[in-house]
């Protein structure tokens, strides 16, 4: 019995990861007299990059290992005039070194910011592949600015098919501070409960040994909060989610909300009117064999 207890302690020991989420950001929240008011396309994307820049700085200042940003709607809404950034990120590459800010502002700037602040950043953007295909793409930059993971949304929401194509079925994890974290995008956290097809999250947790889920969401924050609890309880893993126009979530494996270490307001951006903040919490992650 003692030997078994020792083994369980070795293989199921809990370790802490400090996580941060961007909360209550809205891409259209710019004062009427601001240069960003009514902005479209790449201009609007660059305006909202100011918010992401401040969020990264605040998260790093609070000691976070990783910051989760919302789905690409945090930069712009998909239309014919939206800026669909050409994808240059490949695992192991470093856009801060080889990227061109004039053509790839999100990937270049966030790679550089991750390196500048020594923090991992999970961002979601609307991308264009070399063949013209548009995707909704998660990119995780490590604390040296290198690309640690790239994942294209597989389960699209109905209206998204007007502008995007589904990515391949490829459950994707990323290693951050020695921990394995699974990536899901918006509808992918709701889809399983409506269709009873849990294969994606099951693969992440059971086959890829994800210790927590990082979830980027566009809108519907109340739905995210409800589904985050359901995901956590079903799979016994924490869920860390950021949504546009609502509070982020940091949920323990038992479904309970994690108490925040701090909540830092983003109130120093000229012309920005949203009451956005960065919420930071410590999660206990179980190391699985």
C-alpha atoms as a PDB file:
ATOM      1  CA  UNK A   1       0.000   0.000   0.000  1.00  0.00           C
ATOM      2  CA  UNK A   2       2.842   2.387   0.882  1.00  0.00           C
ATOM      3  CA  UNK A   3       4.648   1.652  -2.387  1.00  0.00           C
ATOM      4  CA  UNK A   4       1.464   2.360  -4.337  1.00  0.00           C
ATOM      5  CA  UNK A   5       1.009   5.670  -2.506  1.00  0.00           C
ATOM      6  CA  UNK A   6       4.566   6.677  -3.337  1.00  0.00           C
ATOM      7  CA  UNK A   7       3.995   5.897  -7.015  1.00  0.00           C
ATOM      8  CA  UNK A   8       0.792   7.938  -7.063  1.00  0.00           C
ATOM      9  CA  UNK A   9       2.617  10.829  -5.467  1.00  0.00           C
ATOM     10  CA  UNK A  10       5.332  10.627  -8.108  1.00  0.00           C
ATOM     11  CA  UNK A  11       3.053  10.398 -11.129  1.00  0.00           C
ATOM     12  CA  UNK A  12       0.072  12.466  -9.993  1.00  0.00           C
ATOM     13  CA  UNK A  13       1.781  15.282  -8.098  1.00  0.00           C
ATOM     14  CA  UNK A  14       0.268  18.739  -8.511  1.00  0.00           C
ATOM     15  CA  UNK A  15       2.355  21.589  -9.849  1.00  0.00           C
ATOM     16  CA  UNK A  16       1.436  25.227 -10.262  1.00  0.00           C
ATOM     17  CA  UNK A  17       1.152  27.269 -13.460  1.00  0.00           C
ATOM     18  CA  UNK A  18       0.355  30.972 -13.404  1.00  0.00           C
ATOM     19  CA  UNK A  19      -2.077  31.839 -16.193  1.00  0.00           C
ATOM     20  CA  UNK A  20      -3.620  35.075 -17.439  1.00  0.00           C
ATOM     21  CA  UNK A  21      -6.608  35.914 -19.644  1.00  0.00           C
ATOM     22  CA  UNK A  22      -7.704  39.076 -21.411  1.00  0.00           C
ATOM     23  CA  UNK A  23     -11.204  39.989 -20.190  1.00  0.00           C
ATOM     24  CA  UNK A  24     -13.903  42.366 -21.449  1.00  0.00           C
ATOM     25  CA  UNK A  25     -12.110  43.464 -24.611  1.00  0.00           C
ATOM     26  CA  UNK A  26     -14.198  44.640 -27.578  1.00  0.00           C
ATOM     27  CA  UNK A  27     -12.612  45.354 -30.944  1.00  0.00           C
ATOM     28  CA  UNK A  28     -15.002  48.264 -31.661  1.00  0.00           C
ATOM     29  CA  UNK A  29     -14.548  50.001 -28.298  1.00  0.00           C
ATOM     30  CA  UNK A  30     -12.945  53.201 -29.515  1.00  0.00           C
ATOM     31  CA  UNK A  31     -14.044  56.756 -28.729  1.00  0.00           C
ATOM     32  CA  UNK A  32     -15.714  58.680 -31.561  1.00  0.00           C
ATOM     33  CA  UNK A  33     -12.862  61.165 -31.796  1.00  0.00           C
ATOM     34  CA  UNK A  34     -10.226  58.432 -31.683  1.00  0.00           C
ATOM     35  CA  UNK A  35      -8.225  57.684 -34.823  1.00  0.00           C
ATOM     36  CA  UNK A  36      -9.368  54.071 -34.367  1.00  0.00           C
ATOM     37  CA  UNK A  37     -13.097  54.873 -34.381  1.00  0.00           C
ATOM     38  CA  UNK A  38     -14.741  53.167 -37.339  1.00  0.00           C
ATOM     39  CA  UNK A  39     -11.445  51.713 -38.504  1.00  0.00           C
ATOM     40  CA  UNK A  40     -11.561  48.854 -41.001  1.00  0.00           C
ATOM     41  CA  UNK A  41      -9.254  46.121 -42.211  1.00  0.00           C
ATOM     42  CA  UNK A  42      -5.591  46.263 -41.261  1.00  0.00           C
ATOM     43  CA  UNK A  43      -6.000  49.642 -39.542  1.00  0.00           C
ATOM     44  CA  UNK A  44      -8.538  48.151 -37.130  1.00  0.00           C
ATOM     45  CA  UNK A  45      -6.269  45.172 -36.484  1.00  0.00           C
ATOM     46  CA  UNK A  46      -3.359  47.471 -35.659  1.00  0.00           C
ATOM     47  CA  UNK A  47      -5.568  49.513 -33.335  1.00  0.00           C
ATOM     48  CA  UNK A  48      -6.502  46.429 -31.334  1.00  0.00           C
ATOM     49  CA  UNK A  49      -2.906  45.266 -31.259  1.00  0.00           C
ATOM     50  CA  UNK A  50      -2.384  48.174 -28.865  1.00  0.00           C
ATOM     51  CA  UNK A  51      -4.684  46.393 -26.418  1.00  0.00           C
ATOM     52  CA  UNK A  52      -2.865  43.091 -26.862  1.00  0.00           C
ATOM     53  CA  UNK A  53       0.461  44.834 -26.349  1.00  0.00           C
ATOM     54  CA  UNK A  54      -0.683  46.302 -23.039  1.00  0.00           C
ATOM     55  CA  UNK A  55      -2.238  42.984 -21.979  1.00  0.00           C
ATOM     56  CA  UNK A  56       1.027  41.128 -22.578  1.00  0.00           C
ATOM     57  CA  UNK A  57       2.974  43.685 -20.575  1.00  0.00           C
ATOM     58  CA  UNK A  58       0.509  43.553 -17.675  1.00  0.00           C
ATOM     59  CA  UNK A  59       0.362  39.736 -17.654  1.00  0.00           C
ATOM     60  CA  UNK A  60       4.140  39.449 -17.621  1.00  0.00           C
ATOM     61  CA  UNK A  61       4.342  42.049 -14.862  1.00  0.00           C
ATOM     62  CA  UNK A  62       2.043  39.856 -12.769  1.00  0.00           C
ATOM     63  CA  UNK A  63       4.349  36.873 -13.249  1.00  0.00           C
ATOM     64  CA  UNK A  64       2.122  34.894 -15.618  1.00  0.00           C
ATOM     65  CA  UNK A  65       3.652  31.987 -17.519  1.00  0.00           C
ATOM     66  CA  UNK A  66       1.091  32.315 -20.324  1.00  0.00           C
ATOM     67  CA  UNK A  67      -1.503  34.817 -21.515  1.00  0.00           C
ATOM     68  CA  UNK A  68      -4.572  33.599 -23.420  1.00  0.00           C
ATOM     69  CA  UNK A  69      -6.126  36.064 -25.881  1.00  0.00           C
ATOM     70  CA  UNK A  70      -9.607  35.773 -27.450  1.00  0.00           C
ATOM     71  CA  UNK A  71     -10.527  34.429 -30.869  1.00  0.00           C
ATOM     72  CA  UNK A  72      -9.670  36.556 -33.916  1.00  0.00           C
ATOM     73  CA  UNK A  73     -12.811  38.647 -33.364  1.00  0.00           C
ATOM     74  CA  UNK A  74     -10.746  40.503 -30.770  1.00  0.00           C
ATOM     75  CA  UNK A  75      -8.898  42.108 -33.681  1.00  0.00           C
ATOM     76  CA  UNK A  76     -11.752  42.433 -36.198  1.00  0.00           C
ATOM     77  CA  UNK A  77     -14.967  40.801 -37.396  1.00  0.00           C
ATOM     78  CA  UNK A  78     -14.725  38.745 -40.604  1.00  0.00           C
ATOM     79  CA  UNK A  79     -16.018  40.600 -43.670  1.00  0.00           C
ATOM     80  CA  UNK A  80     -14.778  41.185 -47.195  1.00  0.00           C
ATOM     81  CA  UNK A  81     -12.777  44.143 -45.856  1.00  0.00           C
ATOM     82  CA  UNK A  82     -11.193  42.293 -42.938  1.00  0.00           C
ATOM     83  CA  UNK A  83      -7.424  41.881 -42.797  1.00  0.00           C
ATOM     84  CA  UNK A  84      -6.686  38.170 -43.169  1.00  0.00           C
ATOM     85  CA  UNK A  85      -3.020  37.978 -42.256  1.00  0.00           C
ATOM     86  CA  UNK A  86      -0.800  35.773 -44.441  1.00  0.00           C
ATOM     87  CA  UNK A  87       0.352  32.895 -42.242  1.00  0.00           C
ATOM     88  CA  UNK A  88       4.126  32.766 -41.811  1.00  0.00           C
ATOM     89  CA  UNK A  89       4.268  30.996 -38.445  1.00  0.00           C
ATOM     90  CA  UNK A  90       5.600  27.468 -38.412  1.00  0.00           C
ATOM     91  CA  UNK A  91       6.549  25.531 -35.313  1.00  0.00           C
ATOM     92  CA  UNK A  92      10.108  26.428 -34.374  1.00  0.00           C
ATOM     93  CA  UNK A  93      10.179  29.635 -36.428  1.00  0.00           C
ATOM     94  CA  UNK A  94      10.539  33.121 -34.952  1.00  0.00           C
ATOM     95  CA  UNK A  95       8.536  35.847 -36.730  1.00  0.00           C
ATOM     96  CA  UNK A  96      10.205  38.519 -34.605  1.00  0.00           C
ATOM     97  CA  UNK A  97      13.444  37.714 -36.419  1.00  0.00           C
ATOM     98  CA  UNK A  98      12.267  37.088 -39.986  1.00  0.00           C
ATOM     99  CA  UNK A  99       8.774  38.597 -40.079  1.00  0.00           C
ATOM    100  CA  UNK A 100       7.738  41.821 -41.784  1.00  0.00           C
ATOM    101  CA  UNK A 101       5.530  44.109 -39.700  1.00  0.00           C
ATOM    102  CA  UNK A 102       4.112  45.740 -42.812  1.00  0.00           C
ATOM    103  CA  UNK A 103       2.716  42.401 -44.041  1.00  0.00           C
ATOM    104  CA  UNK A 104       2.391  40.290 -40.877  1.00  0.00           C
ATOM    105  CA  UNK A 105       1.798  42.725 -38.001  1.00  0.00           C
ATOM    106  CA  UNK A 106       0.096  40.358 -35.554  1.00  0.00           C
ATOM    107  CA  UNK A 107       2.587  37.520 -35.862  1.00  0.00           C
ATOM    108  CA  UNK A 108       5.616  39.807 -35.930  1.00  0.00           C
ATOM    109  CA  UNK A 109       4.580  42.071 -33.078  1.00  0.00           C
ATOM    110  CA  UNK A 110       3.326  39.343 -30.748  1.00  0.00           C
ATOM    111  CA  UNK A 111       6.414  37.230 -31.327  1.00  0.00           C
ATOM    112  CA  UNK A 112       8.555  40.221 -30.386  1.00  0.00           C
ATOM    113  CA  UNK A 113       6.388  41.087 -27.384  1.00  0.00           C
ATOM    114  CA  UNK A 114       6.524  37.517 -26.065  1.00  0.00           C
ATOM    115  CA  UNK A 115      10.314  37.648 -26.267  1.00  0.00           C
ATOM    116  CA  UNK A 116      10.533  41.150 -24.805  1.00  0.00           C
ATOM    117  CA  UNK A 117       8.474  40.173 -21.764  1.00  0.00           C
ATOM    118  CA  UNK A 118       9.605  36.526 -21.482  1.00  0.00           C
ATOM    119  CA  UNK A 119       6.058  35.168 -21.503  1.00  0.00           C
ATOM    120  CA  UNK A 120       4.174  32.625 -23.596  1.00  0.00           C
ATOM    121  CA  UNK A 121       1.252  34.100 -25.556  1.00  0.00           C
ATOM    122  CA  UNK A 122      -1.642  32.158 -27.089  1.00  0.00           C
ATOM    123  CA  UNK A 123      -3.219  34.317 -29.801  1.00  0.00           C
ATOM    124  CA  UNK A 124      -5.927  33.566 -32.344  1.00  0.00           C
ATOM    125  CA  UNK A 125      -5.999  35.346 -35.707  1.00  0.00           C
ATOM    126  CA  UNK A 126      -7.740  35.206 -39.058  1.00  0.00           C
ATOM    127  CA  UNK A 127      -5.161  33.929 -41.537  1.00  0.00           C
ATOM    128  CA  UNK A 128      -4.654  33.369 -45.244  1.00  0.00           C
ATOM    129  CA  UNK A 129      -2.603  30.389 -46.409  1.00  0.00           C
ATOM    130  CA  UNK A 130      -0.304  30.506 -49.422  1.00  0.00           C
ATOM    131  CA  UNK A 131      -3.033  28.910 -51.574  1.00  0.00           C
ATOM    132  CA  UNK A 132      -5.565  31.588 -50.596  1.00  0.00           C
ATOM    133  CA  UNK A 133      -7.470  29.462 -48.077  1.00  0.00           C
ATOM    134  CA  UNK A 134      -8.615  31.380 -45.014  1.00  0.00           C
ATOM    135  CA  UNK A 135      -8.453  29.823 -41.580  1.00  0.00           C
ATOM    136  CA  UNK A 136      -9.074  30.700 -37.939  1.00  0.00           C
ATOM    137  CA  UNK A 137      -5.710  29.989 -36.390  1.00  0.00           C
ATOM    138  CA  UNK A 138      -4.248  29.581 -32.912  1.00  0.00           C
ATOM    139  CA  UNK A 139      -0.564  30.486 -32.651  1.00  0.00           C
ATOM    140  CA  UNK A 140       1.373  30.076 -29.406  1.00  0.00           C
ATOM    141  CA  UNK A 141       4.566  32.072 -29.017  1.00  0.00           C
ATOM    142  CA  UNK A 142       7.080  30.982 -26.400  1.00  0.00           C
ATOM    143  CA  UNK A 143       9.014  33.264 -24.025  1.00  0.00           C
ATOM    144  CA  UNK A 144      11.771  33.705 -26.617  1.00  0.00           C
ATOM    145  CA  UNK A 145       9.321  34.602 -29.374  1.00  0.00           C
ATOM    146  CA  UNK A 146       9.508  31.283 -31.170  1.00  0.00           C
ATOM    147  CA  UNK A 147       6.381  29.541 -32.453  1.00  0.00           C
ATOM    148  CA  UNK A 148       5.554  26.641 -30.147  1.00  0.00           C
ATOM    149  CA  UNK A 149       2.282  25.542 -31.789  1.00  0.00           C
ATOM    150  CA  UNK A 150      -0.001  26.336 -34.730  1.00  0.00           C
ATOM    151  CA  UNK A 151      -3.560  25.008 -34.831  1.00  0.00           C
ATOM    152  CA  UNK A 152      -6.357  25.705 -37.342  1.00  0.00           C
ATOM    153  CA  UNK A 153      -9.953  25.606 -36.080  1.00  0.00           C
ATOM    154  CA  UNK A 154     -11.587  22.355 -37.189  1.00  0.00           C
ATOM    155  CA  UNK A 155     -15.189  22.845 -36.029  1.00  0.00           C
ATOM    156  CA  UNK A 156     -16.434  26.151 -37.474  1.00  0.00           C
ATOM    157  CA  UNK A 157     -19.594  27.963 -36.461  1.00  0.00           C
ATOM    158  CA  UNK A 158     -22.215  28.046 -39.252  1.00  0.00           C
ATOM    159  CA  UNK A 159     -21.681  31.672 -40.319  1.00  0.00           C
ATOM    160  CA  UNK A 160     -17.905  31.239 -40.401  1.00  0.00           C
ATOM    161  CA  UNK A 161     -18.138  29.085 -43.506  1.00  0.00           C
ATOM    162  CA  UNK A 162     -18.843  32.306 -45.439  1.00  0.00           C
ATOM    163  CA  UNK A 163     -15.248  33.398 -44.920  1.00  0.00           C
ATOM    164  CA  UNK A 164     -13.209  30.400 -43.759  1.00  0.00           C
ATOM    165  CA  UNK A 165     -12.472  26.749 -44.375  1.00  0.00           C
ATOM    166  CA  UNK A 166     -12.128  24.148 -41.632  1.00  0.00           C
ATOM    167  CA  UNK A 167      -8.673  23.106 -40.589  1.00  0.00           C
ATOM    168  CA  UNK A 168      -7.813  19.403 -40.575  1.00  0.00           C
ATOM    169  CA  UNK A 169      -8.749  17.224 -37.617  1.00  0.00           C
ATOM    170  CA  UNK A 170      -5.511  17.630 -35.705  1.00  0.00           C
ATOM    171  CA  UNK A 171      -5.874  17.876 -31.911  1.00  0.00           C
ATOM    172  CA  UNK A 172      -2.947  20.058 -30.882  1.00  0.00           C
ATOM    173  CA  UNK A 173      -1.099  20.603 -27.625  1.00  0.00           C
ATOM    174  CA  UNK A 174       1.669  22.963 -26.619  1.00  0.00           C
ATOM    175  CA  UNK A 175       4.291  22.693 -23.889  1.00  0.00           C
ATOM    176  CA  UNK A 176       4.506  25.737 -21.624  1.00  0.00           C
ATOM    177  CA  UNK A 177       6.798  25.831 -18.593  1.00  0.00           C
ATOM    178  CA  UNK A 178       7.059  22.050 -18.838  1.00  0.00           C
ATOM    179  CA  UNK A 179       3.285  21.480 -18.888  1.00  0.00           C
ATOM    180  CA  UNK A 180       1.185  20.043 -21.723  1.00  0.00           C
ATOM    181  CA  UNK A 181      -1.783  22.240 -22.614  1.00  0.00           C
ATOM    182  CA  UNK A 182      -4.486  21.540 -25.206  1.00  0.00           C
ATOM    183  CA  UNK A 183      -5.793  24.133 -27.670  1.00  0.00           C
ATOM    184  CA  UNK A 184      -9.468  24.591 -28.569  1.00  0.00           C
ATOM    185  CA  UNK A 185     -11.159  27.477 -30.386  1.00  0.00           C
ATOM    186  CA  UNK A 186     -14.613  28.887 -29.563  1.00  0.00           C
ATOM    187  CA  UNK A 187     -17.321  26.562 -30.956  1.00  0.00           C
ATOM    188  CA  UNK A 188     -15.047  23.549 -30.384  1.00  0.00           C
ATOM    189  CA  UNK A 189     -15.767  23.790 -26.666  1.00  0.00           C
ATOM    190  CA  UNK A 190     -19.538  23.775 -27.217  1.00  0.00           C
ATOM    191  CA  UNK A 191     -19.816  21.423 -30.198  1.00  0.00           C
ATOM    192  CA  UNK A 192     -19.172  18.194 -28.204  1.00  0.00           C
ATOM    193  CA  UNK A 193     -22.085  18.765 -25.832  1.00  0.00           C
ATOM    194  CA  UNK A 194     -24.538  19.396 -28.678  1.00  0.00           C
ATOM    195  CA  UNK A 195     -23.401  16.622 -31.028  1.00  0.00           C
ATOM    196  CA  UNK A 196     -22.115  14.142 -28.409  1.00  0.00           C
ATOM    197  CA  UNK A 197     -18.909  13.943 -30.445  1.00  0.00           C
ATOM    198  CA  UNK A 198     -16.222  14.388 -27.800  1.00  0.00           C
ATOM    199  CA  UNK A 199     -13.390  12.995 -29.908  1.00  0.00           C
ATOM    200  CA  UNK A 200     -11.320  16.177 -30.149  1.00  0.00           C
ATOM    201  CA  UNK A 201     -11.134  16.966 -26.438  1.00  0.00           C
ATOM    202  CA  UNK A 202     -10.862  13.272 -25.566  1.00  0.00           C
ATOM    203  CA  UNK A 203      -7.842  13.000 -27.852  1.00  0.00           C
ATOM    204  CA  UNK A 204      -6.281  16.076 -26.269  1.00  0.00           C
ATOM    205  CA  UNK A 205      -6.678  14.814 -22.714  1.00  0.00           C
ATOM    206  CA  UNK A 206      -6.430  11.031 -23.062  1.00  0.00           C
ATOM    207  CA  UNK A 207      -3.998  10.605 -25.943  1.00  0.00           C
ATOM    208  CA  UNK A 208      -1.954  13.815 -25.833  1.00  0.00           C
ATOM    209  CA  UNK A 209      -2.038  14.060 -22.020  1.00  0.00           C
ATOM    210  CA  UNK A 210      -3.190  17.677 -21.883  1.00  0.00           C
ATOM    211  CA  UNK A 211      -3.124  18.932 -18.294  1.00  0.00           C
ATOM    212  CA  UNK A 212      -5.349  21.938 -19.051  1.00  0.00           C
ATOM    213  CA  UNK A 213      -7.227  23.488 -21.966  1.00  0.00           C
ATOM    214  CA  UNK A 214      -6.511  26.933 -23.434  1.00  0.00           C
ATOM    215  CA  UNK A 215      -9.689  28.264 -25.043  1.00  0.00           C
ATOM    216  CA  UNK A 216      -9.946  31.333 -27.308  1.00  0.00           C
ATOM    217  CA  UNK A 217     -13.542  32.478 -27.817  1.00  0.00           C
ATOM    218  CA  UNK A 218     -15.281  35.147 -29.911  1.00  0.00           C
ATOM    219  CA  UNK A 219     -18.255  36.585 -28.017  1.00  0.00           C
ATOM    220  CA  UNK A 220     -20.839  34.605 -25.981  1.00  0.00           C
ATOM    221  CA  UNK A 221     -18.851  34.837 -22.703  1.00  0.00           C
ATOM    222  CA  UNK A 222     -21.775  33.474 -20.665  1.00  0.00           C
ATOM    223  CA  UNK A 223     -21.821  30.339 -22.799  1.00  0.00           C
ATOM    224  CA  UNK A 224     -18.048  30.012 -22.389  1.00  0.00           C
ATOM    225  CA  UNK A 225     -18.335  30.160 -18.602  1.00  0.00           C
ATOM    226  CA  UNK A 226     -20.987  27.431 -18.569  1.00  0.00           C
ATOM    227  CA  UNK A 227     -19.184  25.151 -21.015  1.00  0.00           C
ATOM    228  CA  UNK A 228     -15.799  25.697 -19.349  1.00  0.00           C
ATOM    229  CA  UNK A 229     -17.214  24.270 -16.133  1.00  0.00           C
ATOM    230  CA  UNK A 230     -18.693  21.306 -18.026  1.00  0.00           C
ATOM    231  CA  UNK A 231     -15.418  20.602 -19.839  1.00  0.00           C
ATOM    232  CA  UNK A 232     -13.410  20.829 -16.628  1.00  0.00           C
ATOM    233  CA  UNK A 233     -15.678  18.442 -14.751  1.00  0.00           C
ATOM    234  CA  UNK A 234     -15.999  15.953 -17.597  1.00  0.00           C
ATOM    235  CA  UNK A 235     -12.247  15.670 -18.193  1.00  0.00           C
ATOM    236  CA  UNK A 236     -10.878  16.642 -14.778  1.00  0.00           C
ATOM    237  CA  UNK A 237      -8.675  19.367 -16.274  1.00  0.00           C
ATOM    238  CA  UNK A 238      -8.584  23.138 -15.712  1.00  0.00           C
ATOM    239  CA  UNK A 239      -9.894  25.411 -18.466  1.00  0.00           C
ATOM    240  CA  UNK A 240      -8.428  28.826 -19.235  1.00  0.00           C
ATOM    241  CA  UNK A 241     -10.564  30.928 -21.579  1.00  0.00           C
ATOM    242  CA  UNK A 242     -10.598  34.418 -23.057  1.00  0.00           C
ATOM    243  CA  UNK A 243     -13.648  35.808 -24.884  1.00  0.00           C
ATOM    244  CA  UNK A 244     -14.454  39.104 -26.548  1.00  0.00           C
ATOM    245  CA  UNK A 245     -17.004  41.397 -24.906  1.00  0.00           C
ATOM    246  CA  UNK A 246     -17.065  39.554 -21.599  1.00  0.00           C
ATOM    247  CA  UNK A 247     -15.096  38.153 -18.705  1.00  0.00           C
ATOM    248  CA  UNK A 248     -12.503  35.471 -19.203  1.00  0.00           C
ATOM    249  CA  UNK A 249     -12.594  32.253 -17.209  1.00  0.00           C
ATOM    250  CA  UNK A 250      -9.995  30.369 -15.206  1.00  0.00           C
ATOM    251  CA  UNK A 251     -11.607  27.166 -13.970  1.00  0.00           C
ATOM    252  CA  UNK A 252     -10.160  24.437 -11.749  1.00  0.00           C
ATOM    253  CA  UNK A 253     -10.466  20.772 -12.699  1.00  0.00           C
ATOM    254  CA  UNK A 254     -13.461  20.365 -10.366  1.00  0.00           C
ATOM    255  CA  UNK A 255     -15.345  23.115 -12.195  1.00  0.00           C
ATOM    256  CA  UNK A 256     -14.882  25.788  -9.547  1.00  0.00           C
ATOM    257  CA  UNK A 257     -13.566  29.238 -10.530  1.00  0.00           C
ATOM    258  CA  UNK A 258      -9.993  29.932  -9.533  1.00  0.00           C
ATOM    259  CA  UNK A 259      -9.475  32.897  -7.221  1.00  0.00           C
ATOM    260  CA  UNK A 260      -7.514  35.600  -8.994  1.00  0.00           C
ATOM    261  CA  UNK A 261      -4.063  36.582  -7.810  1.00  0.00           C
ATOM    262  CA  UNK A 262      -4.700  39.978  -9.369  1.00  0.00           C
ATOM    263  CA  UNK A 263      -6.849  41.740 -11.957  1.00  0.00           C
ATOM    264  CA  UNK A 264      -5.000  44.511 -13.784  1.00  0.00           C
ATOM    265  CA  UNK A 265      -7.035  47.107 -15.724  1.00  0.00           C
ATOM    266  CA  UNK A 266      -5.996  48.160 -19.218  1.00  0.00           C
ATOM    267  CA  UNK A 267      -6.785  51.836 -18.806  1.00  0.00           C
ATOM    268  CA  UNK A 268      -3.811  53.588 -20.375  1.00  0.00           C
ATOM    269  CA  UNK A 269      -4.665  53.175 -24.080  1.00  0.00           C
ATOM    270  CA  UNK A 270      -5.650  56.462 -25.697  1.00  0.00           C
ATOM    271  CA  UNK A 271      -9.172  56.426 -27.101  1.00  0.00           C
ATOM    272  CA  UNK A 272      -9.961  52.876 -25.923  1.00  0.00           C
ATOM    273  CA  UNK A 273     -13.278  52.734 -24.060  1.00  0.00           C
ATOM    274  CA  UNK A 274     -13.725  49.079 -23.043  1.00  0.00           C
ATOM    275  CA  UNK A 275     -13.288  48.210 -19.367  1.00  0.00           C
ATOM    276  CA  UNK A 276     -10.793  45.518 -20.267  1.00  0.00           C
ATOM    277  CA  UNK A 277      -8.432  43.856 -17.831  1.00  0.00           C
ATOM    278  CA  UNK A 278      -5.985  41.019 -17.430  1.00  0.00           C
ATOM    279  CA  UNK A 279      -7.020  38.442 -14.832  1.00  0.00           C
ATOM    280  CA  UNK A 280      -4.262  36.290 -13.340  1.00  0.00           C
ATOM    281  CA  UNK A 281      -4.551  33.068 -11.337  1.00  0.00           C
ATOM    282  CA  UNK A 282      -2.504  30.082 -10.231  1.00  0.00           C
ATOM    283  CA  UNK A 283      -3.644  26.650 -11.387  1.00  0.00           C
ATOM    284  CA  UNK A 284      -2.727  23.320  -9.888  1.00  0.00           C
ATOM    285  CA  UNK A 285      -1.975  20.914 -12.731  1.00  0.00           C
ATOM    286  CA  UNK A 286      -1.727  17.170 -12.281  1.00  0.00           C
ATOM    287  CA  UNK A 287       1.296  15.589 -13.917  1.00  0.00           C
ATOM    288  CA  UNK A 288       0.122  12.486 -15.734  1.00  0.00           C
ATOM    289  CA  UNK A 289       2.402   9.551 -16.587  1.00  0.00           C
END
